[in-house]
Amino acid sequence: MFARNQRHESKNCPFCRDKYTKKNGRKLGKQQYQCIACKRQFLCGTRLNNQTLWIE
């Protein structure tokens, strides 16, 4: 059984770097999070860098 007060791994917001986020469903099979401070949504705590994508 799962404990109600069990802490889940929280992710830092890639936009404002705030550590207070909550799980917000799934998208494309990946966990989606929402930042409580700036209200933006992101996937798995990572943000793609356009320069890195062009190099690869």
C-alpha atoms as a PDB file:
ATOM      1  CA  MET A   1       0.000   0.000   0.000  1.00  0.00           C
ATOM      2  CA  PHE A   2       1.038   3.565  -0.570  1.00  0.00           C
ATOM      3  CA  ALA A   3       1.270   6.051   2.280  1.00  0.00           C
ATOM      4  CA  ARG A   4      -0.749   9.218   1.839  1.00  0.00           C
ATOM      5  CA  ASN A   5       2.077  11.414   3.074  1.00  0.00           C
ATOM      6  CA  GLN A   6       4.662   9.853   0.794  1.00  0.00           C
ATOM      7  CA  ARG A   7       6.828  12.526  -0.844  1.00  0.00           C
ATOM      8  CA  HIS A   8       7.295  12.308  -4.583  1.00  0.00           C
ATOM      9  CA  GLU A   9      10.337  13.560  -6.413  1.00  0.00           C
ATOM     10  CA  SER A  10       9.718  17.197  -7.251  1.00  0.00           C
ATOM     11  CA  LYS A  11      11.325  18.905 -10.207  1.00  0.00           C
ATOM     12  CA  ASN A  12      12.627  22.455 -10.397  1.00  0.00           C
ATOM     13  CA  CYS A  13      10.883  24.709 -12.889  1.00  0.00           C
ATOM     14  CA  PRO A  14      13.132  25.264 -15.945  1.00  0.00           C
ATOM     15  CA  PHE A  15      11.598  28.713 -16.487  1.00  0.00           C
ATOM     16  CA  CYS A  16      11.753  30.409 -13.059  1.00  0.00           C
ATOM     17  CA  ARG A  17      13.895  27.820 -11.189  1.00  0.00           C
ATOM     18  CA  ASP A  18      11.328  27.545  -8.401  1.00  0.00           C
ATOM     19  CA  LYS A  19      11.313  24.234  -6.545  1.00  0.00           C
ATOM     20  CA  TYR A  20       7.567  24.147  -5.838  1.00  0.00           C
ATOM     21  CA  THR A  21       5.960  22.148  -8.616  1.00  0.00           C
ATOM     22  CA  LYS A  22       3.153  19.625  -8.845  1.00  0.00           C
ATOM     23  CA  LYS A  23       2.414  16.713 -11.119  1.00  0.00           C
ATOM     24  CA  ASN A  24      -0.055  17.653 -13.832  1.00  0.00           C
ATOM     25  CA  GLY A  25      -0.913  14.543 -15.824  1.00  0.00           C
ATOM     26  CA  ARG A  26       0.992  12.891 -18.652  1.00  0.00           C
ATOM     27  CA  LYS A  27       1.802  13.950 -22.195  1.00  0.00           C
ATOM     28  CA  LEU A  28       3.332  11.676 -24.829  1.00  0.00           C
ATOM     29  CA  GLY A  29       3.935   9.047 -22.122  1.00  0.00           C
ATOM     30  CA  LYS A  30       6.014  11.418 -19.966  1.00  0.00           C
ATOM     31  CA  GLN A  31       5.171  12.990 -16.630  1.00  0.00           C
ATOM     32  CA  GLN A  32       4.011  16.591 -16.955  1.00  0.00           C
ATOM     33  CA  TYR A  33       4.556  19.141 -14.171  1.00  0.00           C
ATOM     34  CA  GLN A  34       3.159  22.595 -13.409  1.00  0.00           C
ATOM     35  CA  CYS A  35       5.051  25.303 -11.540  1.00  0.00           C
ATOM     36  CA  ILE A  36       3.071  26.787  -8.677  1.00  0.00           C
ATOM     37  CA  ALA A  37       4.887  30.146  -8.895  1.00  0.00           C
ATOM     38  CA  CYS A  38       4.735  30.954 -12.644  1.00  0.00           C
ATOM     39  CA  LYS A  39       1.904  28.525 -13.620  1.00  0.00           C
ATOM     40  CA  ARG A  40       3.868  27.204 -16.631  1.00  0.00           C
ATOM     41  CA  GLN A  41       3.858  23.529 -17.598  1.00  0.00           C
ATOM     42  CA  PHE A  42       6.856  21.403 -18.548  1.00  0.00           C
ATOM     43  CA  LEU A  43       7.792  17.771 -19.133  1.00  0.00           C
ATOM     44  CA  CYS A  44      10.159  15.873 -16.816  1.00  0.00           C
ATOM     45  CA  GLY A  45      12.002  18.977 -15.650  1.00  0.00           C
ATOM     46  CA  THR A  46      14.042  19.388 -18.804  1.00  0.00           C
ATOM     47  CA  ARG A  47      13.936  22.125 -21.380  1.00  0.00           C
ATOM     48  CA  LEU A  48      15.371  21.598 -24.841  1.00  0.00           C
ATOM     49  CA  ASN A  49      18.007  24.017 -26.037  1.00  0.00           C
ATOM     50  CA  ASN A  50      17.666  25.000 -29.717  1.00  0.00           C
ATOM     51  CA  GLN A  51      21.427  25.316 -30.192  1.00  0.00           C
ATOM     52  CA  THR A  52      21.997  21.792 -28.902  1.00  0.00           C
ATOM     53  CA  LEU A  53      19.305  20.440 -31.233  1.00  0.00           C
ATOM     54  CA  TRP A  54      20.913  22.081 -34.272  1.00  0.00           C
ATOM     55  CA  ILE A  55      24.356  20.699 -33.388  1.00  0.00           C
ATOM     56  CA  GLU A  56      23.023  17.163 -33.068  1.00  0.00           C
END
